[in-house]
């Protein structure tokens, strides 16, 4: 039932980073897709925090079909349907919503609900899920807390999100149960709004280099740790 989740998680493990994107202006979608791809990270999670999210997702999908596109902050089944229709290939939620999870599983859509307690993890396991989002990672206790709650669940894999940046990325990725990390520092909303796509491309390339261990962690841009 969750083979699609496992396959998607394996793809994320190769990328190591999931850019978490908040976008207000759909006209920025196509150049943003190019900036991420040119920076070596053909992936994005478009958060459904703005009224333009679905349209932005649709335009990114049209502009760069090779992008691995997901929808984040999905709170309802209706949003999951809208995201899927707009081109999302996976769904991410901040918490564990049984209705959203069950809808996605019934439709064969990879879904990664958010967890931050053992109870959340066991709810995911009860639905056959073995890869979940760990959120809000830094606010809830960071890597030390993740290691503590992951210890009894050797079968689980995690995508930590929330406060992840270039400075702590490698420490999270060094923990074996971590598949990839979600973060917004390489493409924060203000850079997208100001159309700083060259800057996004360059920061994405640096993030990829850090994730692969090719470079030391650069200093994160101010205000770019929200994810």
Protein backbone atom coordinates (compact mmCIF):
# COMPACT_ATOMS: atom_id res chain seq x y z
CA UNK A 1 0.00 0.00 0.00
CA UNK A 2 2.86 2.39 0.70
CA UNK A 3 5.28 1.30 -2.01
CA UNK A 4 4.76 4.66 -3.73
CA UNK A 5 5.89 6.39 -0.54
CA UNK A 6 9.04 4.28 -0.34
CA UNK A 7 9.93 4.99 -3.96
CA UNK A 8 9.44 8.72 -3.51
CA UNK A 9 11.48 8.67 -0.30
CA UNK A 10 14.30 6.97 -2.19
CA UNK A 11 14.27 9.81 -4.74
CA UNK A 12 14.40 12.39 -1.95
CA UNK A 13 17.33 10.52 -0.40
CA UNK A 14 19.31 11.08 -3.60
CA UNK A 15 18.54 14.81 -3.58
CA UNK A 16 19.13 15.22 0.20
CA UNK A 17 17.29 18.57 0.31
CA UNK A 18 13.67 19.51 -0.33
CA UNK A 19 13.32 23.27 -1.00
CA UNK A 20 10.25 24.51 0.89
CA UNK A 21 8.76 27.28 -1.20
CA UNK A 22 6.32 30.03 -0.23
CA UNK A 23 5.27 31.89 -3.38
CA UNK A 24 2.79 34.73 -3.77
CA UNK A 25 3.28 35.61 -7.43
CA UNK A 26 2.71 32.77 -9.94
CA UNK A 27 4.73 34.68 -12.56
CA UNK A 28 7.82 33.82 -10.52
CA UNK A 29 7.15 30.09 -10.84
CA UNK A 30 8.90 29.36 -14.13
CA UNK A 31 12.12 31.30 -13.42
CA UNK A 32 12.17 29.79 -9.92
CA UNK A 33 11.95 26.32 -11.43
CA UNK A 34 14.93 27.16 -13.65
CA UNK A 35 16.93 28.58 -10.73
CA UNK A 36 16.45 25.44 -8.63
CA UNK A 37 17.22 23.11 -11.53
CA UNK A 38 20.26 25.10 -12.64
CA UNK A 39 21.47 25.05 -9.04
CA UNK A 40 21.38 21.25 -9.11
CA UNK A 41 18.22 20.67 -7.08
CA UNK A 42 15.30 19.63 -9.33
CA UNK A 43 12.78 19.48 -6.52
CA UNK A 44 10.37 21.77 -4.68
CA UNK A 45 7.63 21.61 -2.07
CA UNK A 46 5.16 24.41 -2.78
CA UNK A 47 3.41 25.27 0.46
CA UNK A 48 -0.33 25.87 0.38
CA UNK A 49 0.04 28.95 2.59
CA UNK A 50 -0.84 31.40 -0.17
CA UNK A 51 -3.79 31.78 -2.52
CA UNK A 52 -1.38 31.43 -5.47
CA UNK A 53 0.11 28.08 -4.45
CA UNK A 54 -1.86 25.86 -6.83
CA UNK A 55 -1.31 28.14 -9.82
CA UNK A 56 2.40 28.45 -9.02
CA UNK A 57 2.67 24.69 -8.75
CA UNK A 58 0.91 24.29 -12.10
CA UNK A 59 3.23 26.76 -13.81
CA UNK A 60 6.34 25.14 -12.35
CA UNK A 61 5.15 21.75 -13.54
CA UNK A 62 4.52 23.09 -17.04
CA UNK A 63 7.85 24.92 -17.19
CA UNK A 64 9.99 22.07 -15.84
CA UNK A 65 8.32 18.65 -16.12
CA UNK A 66 11.50 17.04 -14.78
CA UNK A 67 11.02 18.73 -11.38
CA UNK A 68 9.98 16.55 -8.49
CA UNK A 69 7.12 18.72 -7.25
CA UNK A 70 5.19 18.36 -4.04
CA UNK A 71 2.59 20.33 -2.15
CA UNK A 72 3.21 21.30 1.46
CA UNK A 73 1.07 22.58 4.33
CA UNK A 74 -1.78 20.45 3.02
CA UNK A 75 -4.46 20.56 5.71
CA UNK A 76 -7.54 19.13 3.98
CA UNK A 77 -8.57 16.50 1.47
CA UNK A 78 -9.78 19.31 -0.80
CA UNK A 79 -6.30 20.84 -0.81
CA UNK A 80 -4.77 17.44 -1.54
CA UNK A 81 -7.06 17.08 -4.56
CA UNK A 82 -6.28 20.60 -5.75
CA UNK A 83 -2.55 20.03 -5.38
CA UNK A 84 -2.70 16.75 -7.28
CA UNK A 85 -4.67 18.40 -10.08
CA UNK A 86 -2.06 21.18 -10.26
CA UNK A 87 0.78 18.70 -10.75
CA UNK A 88 1.97 17.71 -7.29
CA UNK A 89 3.53 14.25 -7.20
CA UNK A 90 3.61 14.09 -3.41
CA UNK A 91 1.82 15.63 -0.44
CA UNK A 92 3.35 16.97 2.78
CA UNK A 93 1.39 17.95 5.88
CA UNK A 94 2.51 19.72 9.07
CA UNK A 95 0.72 17.19 11.28
CA UNK A 96 -0.95 13.79 11.13
CA UNK A 97 -4.43 14.25 9.64
CA UNK A 98 -5.99 10.79 9.16
CA UNK A 99 -8.41 12.06 6.50
CA UNK A 100 -5.62 13.51 4.34
CA UNK A 101 -3.37 10.48 4.84
CA UNK A 102 -6.11 7.98 4.04
CA UNK A 103 -7.21 9.92 0.95
CA UNK A 104 -3.66 9.99 -0.40
CA UNK A 105 -3.11 6.30 0.28
CA UNK A 106 -6.41 5.40 -1.40
CA UNK A 107 -5.40 7.45 -4.46
CA UNK A 108 -1.85 6.11 -4.58
CA UNK A 109 -0.32 9.53 -3.83
CA UNK A 110 2.88 9.60 -1.75
CA UNK A 111 2.16 11.43 1.50
CA UNK A 112 4.47 12.55 4.29
CA UNK A 113 2.55 13.70 7.36
CA UNK A 114 4.29 15.66 10.08
CA UNK A 115 5.21 13.99 13.35
CA UNK A 116 6.86 15.23 16.54
CA UNK A 117 5.95 12.60 19.16
CA UNK A 118 6.04 8.81 19.52
CA UNK A 119 2.23 8.84 19.33
CA UNK A 120 2.42 10.55 15.93
CA UNK A 121 4.95 7.99 14.72
CA UNK A 122 2.74 5.12 15.80
CA UNK A 123 -0.23 6.67 14.00
CA UNK A 124 1.89 6.73 10.84
CA UNK A 125 2.95 3.13 11.33
CA UNK A 126 -0.68 2.11 11.81
CA UNK A 127 -1.34 3.50 8.34
CA UNK A 128 1.60 1.63 6.84
CA UNK A 129 3.87 4.68 6.55
CA UNK A 130 7.58 4.37 7.29
CA UNK A 131 8.74 7.81 6.06
CA UNK A 132 7.40 10.95 7.70
CA UNK A 133 8.13 14.63 8.07
CA UNK A 134 9.70 15.60 11.42
CA UNK A 135 8.31 19.04 12.23
CA UNK A 136 9.06 21.57 13.63
CA UNK A 137 12.54 20.12 13.88
CA UNK A 138 14.61 22.78 15.63
CA UNK A 139 11.78 24.25 17.71
CA UNK A 140 10.82 20.87 19.18
CA UNK A 141 14.34 19.95 20.24
CA UNK A 142 16.45 19.46 17.12
CA UNK A 143 18.58 16.49 16.25
CA UNK A 144 19.00 15.40 19.88
CA UNK A 145 15.23 15.10 20.27
CA UNK A 146 14.83 13.35 16.92
CA UNK A 147 17.41 10.75 17.93
CA UNK A 148 15.54 10.16 21.18
CA UNK A 149 12.11 9.60 19.64
CA UNK A 150 13.49 7.66 16.66
CA UNK A 151 15.33 5.16 18.84
CA UNK A 152 12.41 2.71 19.40
CA UNK A 153 11.38 2.86 15.73
CA UNK A 154 14.22 1.44 13.68
CA UNK A 155 12.00 1.06 10.63
CA UNK A 156 11.14 4.76 10.41
CA UNK A 157 12.74 7.35 8.13
CA UNK A 158 12.41 11.11 8.58
CA UNK A 159 12.45 14.36 6.62
CA UNK A 160 13.29 17.02 9.25
CA UNK A 161 11.85 20.44 8.44
CA UNK A 162 11.64 23.65 10.42
CA UNK A 163 14.74 25.66 11.27
CA UNK A 164 17.00 23.65 8.96
CA UNK A 165 19.68 25.70 7.25
CA UNK A 166 23.14 25.40 5.73
CA UNK A 167 24.76 25.44 9.17
CA UNK A 168 22.95 22.40 10.61
CA UNK A 169 22.09 20.52 7.42
CA UNK A 170 25.02 18.11 7.47
CA UNK A 171 24.51 17.13 11.09
CA UNK A 172 20.93 16.07 10.32
CA UNK A 173 21.92 14.23 7.14
CA UNK A 174 24.60 12.32 9.08
CA UNK A 175 21.85 10.63 11.14
CA UNK A 176 21.01 7.44 9.22
CA UNK A 177 17.19 7.58 9.60
CA UNK A 178 17.13 11.00 7.92
CA UNK A 179 16.18 10.71 4.24
CA UNK A 180 16.49 14.39 3.37
CA UNK A 181 15.91 17.78 4.97
CA UNK A 182 13.32 20.37 4.08
CA UNK A 183 14.35 24.00 4.16
CA UNK A 184 13.65 27.43 2.74
CA UNK A 185 17.03 29.11 3.10
CA UNK A 186 18.07 28.68 -0.54
CA UNK A 187 14.88 30.29 -1.84
CA UNK A 188 13.24 32.43 0.88
CA UNK A 189 10.02 34.23 0.04
CA UNK A 190 11.63 37.69 -0.08
CA UNK A 191 14.19 36.54 -2.66
CA UNK A 192 11.40 35.09 -4.79
CA UNK A 193 9.36 38.28 -4.47
CA UNK A 194 12.34 40.43 -5.51
CA UNK A 195 13.06 38.04 -8.42
CA UNK A 196 16.58 37.31 -7.19
CA UNK A 197 16.74 34.13 -9.22
CA UNK A 198 20.50 34.21 -9.82
CA UNK A 199 20.97 34.45 -6.05
CA UNK A 200 18.58 31.52 -5.55
CA UNK A 201 20.47 29.48 -8.14
CA UNK A 202 23.82 30.19 -6.48
CA UNK A 203 22.56 29.49 -2.94
CA UNK A 204 20.94 26.28 -4.17
CA UNK A 205 24.24 25.17 -5.68
CA UNK A 206 26.00 25.89 -2.38
CA UNK A 207 23.37 23.95 -0.46
CA UNK A 208 23.78 20.95 -2.76
CA UNK A 209 27.55 21.12 -2.30
CA UNK A 210 27.20 21.19 1.48
CA UNK A 211 24.72 18.31 1.46
CA UNK A 212 27.14 16.20 -0.55
CA UNK A 213 30.02 17.06 1.73
CA UNK A 214 31.89 18.94 -0.99
CA UNK A 215 32.08 22.21 0.95
CA UNK A 216 31.97 23.62 4.42
CA UNK A 217 28.63 24.97 5.58
CA UNK A 218 28.30 28.57 4.40
CA UNK A 219 26.73 31.17 6.62
CA UNK A 220 22.97 31.10 6.13
CA UNK A 221 21.27 34.24 4.78
CA UNK A 222 19.68 36.32 7.52
CA UNK A 223 16.03 35.51 8.02
CA UNK A 224 16.13 32.42 5.82
CA UNK A 225 15.75 29.65 8.39
CA UNK A 226 11.95 29.41 8.35
CA UNK A 227 10.74 26.23 6.69
